C-alpha cells in the first residue's frame, strides 16, 4: 500500500505544484513582456529623498534541485521616492540578476539628480498606482555620469548600468510575482 501511495504522490506532486503555482502567480508570456515594454515611455524625474526596502518572493514555488523542495526567497530592492512634477510615488526596482549582495545605498550617487526612467503608461495613468504603498515601478533608470565621482561611486554607477541590461527580465518578474492578478488581467485581458 505504501508503494502505491508513493507512486501516486510522485505522479500527482508535479500537477499539484503546477496548479498551486498558477493560482499564486501570473502566467506571463514573452508577448506580455513585449506589450508592457511597448506601452512604456521615458520620463525624467528628480530623484531626491527616498526610502529603501526589500521585497522577498519565491522564484519558483515548487522546484526540485540542490536547494531542497522549495526555492530560496529572492530579493527585489525598491527605492521609493516622490516626484513633485508628476505628483506620484515611484519605485526603482532592482532584482538581483547580477550577483550583488545588497543594493542598499546604491542610488546615493543619484540623490538630488534628474534621472531618466522608463515607466509603463498604463501604470502611470492608473489611479491605483503612484501612492506610497503602491508606487509606479521603474525597471530602467539612467543616472547621468559625474566627473567628480570617486572609484566607489563609479562602481555603483556601473552596477546600475549592468542592472539596466536586464530590463525585459525585470518586467517579467514584476508581472509574474508582484502585479496583482486583477491588475494583470486588466492589462492583458486575453490571458485567462
Protein backbone atom coordinates (compact mmCIF):
# COMPACT_ATOMS: atom_id res chain seq x y z
CA UNK A 1 0.00 0.00 0.00
CA UNK A 2 2.86 2.36 0.83
CA UNK A 3 4.37 1.77 -2.60
CA UNK A 4 1.08 2.71 -4.27
CA UNK A 5 0.90 5.88 -2.16
CA UNK A 6 4.47 6.84 -3.08
CA UNK A 7 3.78 6.19 -6.77
CA UNK A 8 0.61 8.30 -6.68
CA UNK A 9 2.47 11.05 -4.82
CA UNK A 10 5.22 11.13 -7.45
CA UNK A 11 2.62 11.41 -10.21
CA UNK A 12 0.37 13.96 -8.51
CA UNK A 13 3.02 16.22 -6.93
CA UNK A 14 4.09 17.89 -10.24
CA UNK A 15 0.46 18.51 -11.21
CA UNK A 16 -0.39 19.89 -7.76
CA UNK A 17 2.72 22.08 -7.81
CA UNK A 18 1.88 23.47 -11.25
CA UNK A 19 -1.74 24.12 -10.19
CA UNK A 20 -0.65 25.91 -6.99
CA UNK A 21 1.93 27.96 -8.86
CA UNK A 22 -0.62 29.12 -11.46
CA UNK A 23 -3.02 30.11 -8.67
CA UNK A 24 -0.39 32.10 -6.76
CA UNK A 25 1.44 33.87 -9.60
CA UNK A 26 0.59 35.27 -13.02
CA UNK A 27 1.50 33.19 -16.05
CA UNK A 28 3.46 35.63 -18.19
CA UNK A 29 4.32 35.09 -21.84
CA UNK A 30 7.14 36.95 -23.60
CA UNK A 31 4.45 38.64 -25.72
CA UNK A 32 3.11 40.16 -22.46
CA UNK A 33 6.58 41.49 -21.63
CA UNK A 34 6.83 43.00 -25.11
CA UNK A 35 3.36 44.56 -24.83
CA UNK A 36 4.27 46.05 -21.43
CA UNK A 37 7.58 47.34 -22.77
CA UNK A 38 5.98 48.77 -25.94
CA UNK A 39 3.45 50.60 -23.75
CA UNK A 40 6.23 52.29 -21.77
CA UNK A 41 7.92 55.64 -22.24
CA UNK A 42 10.93 57.57 -20.94
CA UNK A 43 10.32 60.34 -18.43
CA UNK A 44 12.65 62.49 -16.35
CA UNK A 45 12.26 62.51 -12.59
CA UNK A 46 14.04 64.33 -9.80
CA UNK A 47 15.49 61.67 -7.53
CA UNK A 48 15.55 63.13 -4.03
CA UNK A 49 14.96 61.66 -0.62
CA UNK A 50 13.99 58.00 -0.88
CA UNK A 51 13.02 55.03 1.26
CA UNK A 52 14.84 51.78 0.66
CA UNK A 53 13.07 48.50 1.26
CA UNK A 54 13.42 44.92 0.14
CA UNK A 55 10.63 42.65 -1.05
CA UNK A 56 11.04 38.89 -0.92
CA UNK A 57 9.43 36.42 -3.27
CA UNK A 58 9.74 32.80 -4.29
CA UNK A 59 11.41 32.35 -7.66
CA UNK A 60 9.59 29.08 -8.22
CA UNK A 61 7.05 27.72 -5.77
CA UNK A 62 7.72 24.05 -6.32
CA UNK A 63 11.05 23.06 -7.74
CA UNK A 64 13.42 20.23 -7.10
CA UNK A 65 17.09 20.88 -7.14
CA UNK A 66 20.13 21.09 -4.95
CA UNK A 67 18.40 23.56 -2.62
CA UNK A 68 15.70 21.15 -1.49
CA UNK A 69 11.98 21.09 -2.20
CA UNK A 70 11.28 24.82 -2.04
CA UNK A 71 13.16 27.58 -3.83
CA UNK A 72 15.03 30.09 -1.71
CA UNK A 73 13.48 33.52 -1.42
CA UNK A 74 14.76 36.09 -3.88
CA UNK A 75 15.07 39.80 -3.25
CA UNK A 76 13.71 42.82 -5.06
CA UNK A 77 15.24 46.11 -3.91
CA UNK A 78 12.95 49.15 -4.03
CA UNK A 79 13.95 52.81 -3.93
CA UNK A 80 10.67 54.62 -3.31
CA UNK A 81 10.60 58.38 -3.89
CA UNK A 82 8.11 61.15 -4.62
CA UNK A 83 8.26 63.32 -7.72
CA UNK A 84 6.69 66.78 -7.37
CA UNK A 85 6.10 67.25 -11.12
CA UNK A 86 4.10 64.04 -11.62
CA UNK A 87 2.84 64.15 -8.02
CA UNK A 88 3.30 60.41 -7.70
CA UNK A 89 5.44 57.97 -5.80
CA UNK A 90 7.78 55.87 -7.93
CA UNK A 91 9.89 52.83 -7.06
CA UNK A 92 13.11 51.97 -8.83
CA UNK A 93 13.05 48.18 -8.58
CA UNK A 94 16.19 46.12 -8.92
CA UNK A 95 16.17 42.34 -8.97
CA UNK A 96 19.40 40.62 -8.10
CA UNK A 97 20.33 39.21 -11.51
CA UNK A 98 23.95 40.32 -11.33
CA UNK A 99 25.08 38.79 -8.03
CA UNK A 100 25.24 41.97 -5.95
CA UNK A 101 24.76 41.08 -2.30
CA UNK A 102 22.98 44.34 -1.45
CA UNK A 103 21.60 47.27 -3.40
CA UNK A 104 21.25 49.33 -0.22
CA UNK A 105 22.65 52.85 -0.78
CA UNK A 106 23.36 52.03 -4.44
CA UNK A 107 21.45 55.04 -5.69
CA UNK A 108 23.05 57.51 -3.28
CA UNK A 109 25.05 58.72 -6.31
CA UNK A 110 21.77 59.86 -7.91
CA UNK A 111 20.48 61.78 -4.91
CA UNK A 112 19.26 65.28 -5.94
CA UNK A 113 19.84 64.48 -9.62
CA UNK A 114 17.40 64.36 -12.52
CA UNK A 115 17.33 60.79 -13.82
CA UNK A 116 15.81 59.35 -16.97
CA UNK A 117 13.42 56.46 -16.29
CA UNK A 118 11.23 54.13 -18.31
CA UNK A 119 7.66 53.78 -16.95
CA UNK A 120 4.61 51.94 -18.19
CA UNK A 121 1.82 54.24 -19.46
CA UNK A 122 -0.94 52.04 -18.02
CA UNK A 123 0.58 52.14 -14.52
CA UNK A 124 1.40 55.85 -14.82
CA UNK A 125 -2.24 56.64 -15.67
CA UNK A 126 -3.81 54.17 -13.24
CA UNK A 127 -5.08 55.87 -10.03
CA UNK A 128 -4.30 52.66 -8.08
CA UNK A 129 -0.60 53.36 -8.66
CA UNK A 130 1.52 56.27 -7.52
CA UNK A 131 0.85 56.04 -3.79
CA UNK A 132 3.46 55.42 -1.09
CA UNK A 133 2.04 51.92 -0.64
CA UNK A 134 1.76 51.17 -4.37
CA UNK A 135 4.36 53.25 -6.24
CA UNK A 136 4.75 53.23 -10.02
CA UNK A 137 7.52 50.73 -10.80
CA UNK A 138 10.68 51.67 -12.69
CA UNK A 139 12.98 48.95 -14.06
CA UNK A 140 15.39 51.08 -16.01
CA UNK A 141 16.93 54.34 -14.86
CA UNK A 142 19.80 56.28 -16.32
CA UNK A 143 21.90 58.26 -13.88
CA UNK A 144 23.96 60.94 -15.66
CA UNK A 145 27.72 60.50 -15.33
CA UNK A 146 29.50 62.82 -12.98
CA UNK A 147 33.20 63.67 -13.39
CA UNK A 148 33.59 64.20 -9.65
CA UNK A 149 32.70 60.59 -8.76
CA UNK A 150 35.36 58.63 -6.91
CA UNK A 151 36.06 54.97 -7.72
CA UNK A 152 33.39 53.77 -5.29
CA UNK A 153 30.70 55.99 -6.86
CA UNK A 154 31.78 54.92 -10.36
CA UNK A 155 31.48 51.25 -9.38
CA UNK A 156 27.93 51.98 -8.14
CA UNK A 157 27.10 53.61 -11.49
CA UNK A 158 28.43 50.52 -13.29
CA UNK A 159 26.15 48.28 -11.20
CA UNK A 160 23.13 50.40 -12.17
CA UNK A 161 24.11 50.15 -15.85
CA UNK A 162 24.51 46.36 -15.58
CA UNK A 163 21.11 46.10 -13.89
CA UNK A 164 19.52 48.10 -16.75
CA UNK A 165 20.66 45.38 -19.14
CA UNK A 166 18.05 43.11 -17.52
CA UNK A 167 15.10 45.40 -18.31
CA UNK A 168 12.97 42.72 -20.05
CA UNK A 169 13.69 40.15 -17.33
CA UNK A 170 12.74 42.70 -14.64
CA UNK A 171 9.41 43.30 -16.38
CA UNK A 172 8.83 39.54 -16.47
CA UNK A 173 9.47 39.20 -12.71
CA UNK A 174 7.29 42.23 -11.93
CA UNK A 175 4.36 40.90 -13.94
CA UNK A 176 4.79 37.36 -12.61
CA UNK A 177 5.32 37.92 -8.90
CA UNK A 178 4.23 41.45 -7.99
CA UNK A 179 1.36 42.50 -10.24
CA UNK A 180 -1.96 41.57 -8.57
CA UNK A 181 -3.99 39.09 -10.62
CA UNK A 182 -6.86 41.56 -11.17
CA UNK A 183 -4.45 44.24 -12.44
CA UNK A 184 -2.69 41.69 -14.65
CA UNK A 185 -5.99 40.63 -16.20
CA UNK A 186 -6.88 44.28 -16.92
CA UNK A 187 -3.52 44.81 -18.62
CA UNK A 188 -3.70 41.54 -20.55
CA UNK A 189 -7.40 40.65 -20.98
CA UNK A 190 -6.56 37.88 -23.44
CA UNK A 191 -4.87 35.95 -20.60
CA UNK A 192 -7.06 33.63 -18.55
